[in-house]
Amino acid sequence: MGKFKLLLVDDHHLILDGLIALLADETCIERIQGVTSGQAAIRILEKERIDVLMVDINMPEMSGLELTKIVRTQFPETKILALSMYNDNVMIAKMIEAGAMGYVLKSTDINELSEAICTIAEGKKFLSKEVQDIIMQGIYNADSSIRSVQPNAIKLTSRESEVLALIVREYSNEQIADKLFISERTVETHRKNIFVKTKQKTIVGLIKYAIENELVD
């Protein structure tokens, strides 16, 4: 296998800097770049060929899932590896269906991550050991499967769904208000209703619930 170009996409600068430093000694990588948004990644892909795109899922403005769908359509030669904290069957399935050739959790070690990147660069698929365990656990669990959706998922109004989608993308109340052209007080009311309906108490719990029940893309 020849050397390849790697592009990392994560909205946290510290994570990007850390990954670039950890992967700097990989002899099979010709060049590593890092950007903090899906839009920035697309701009690079429009200018040069990128062999492997390693993408986070939970990012503002454009999620990793949305970016994956765009890249698979517009830049099919670029291979995609998801690197995420989401360790549930639903998101794993969504990313694979969107076109990701691999999925690795952020709890992995550098050796497995390097193996994943090189495997993807060769055109092969890769699921980390922990992701494989999650999928197998889902298959053998009578209460869940890789495509499972909670049967009692609540129903949100169209406006609540819009607010929830922006909450998942880590928008503040002020940003949501600006985006939807409503007042911050109205945003706060929608937030309270969403938390009551989903019976969640934390943002992390709400995001996990929303993804597992396919309330957001």
Foldseek 3Di string as FASTA:
>chain_A
DAAFAEEEEAQDPVVLVVVCVLCVPPPSHPYYYYDHDLVVVVVVVVVDPHAEYEYEAQAAPAGPLRSLLVCCVPPVNHAYEYEYQDQALLVVVSSVVSHHLEYHYVPDDSVLVVVQRVCRSVVHGYYDPSNVVNQVVQVPDPVHHSNDAPPPQFDDDPVLLLLLQNVSSVDDLVRSCVVVVHDSVVSVVSVVVLCVRQVDDDSVVSNSNCSRNVSDD
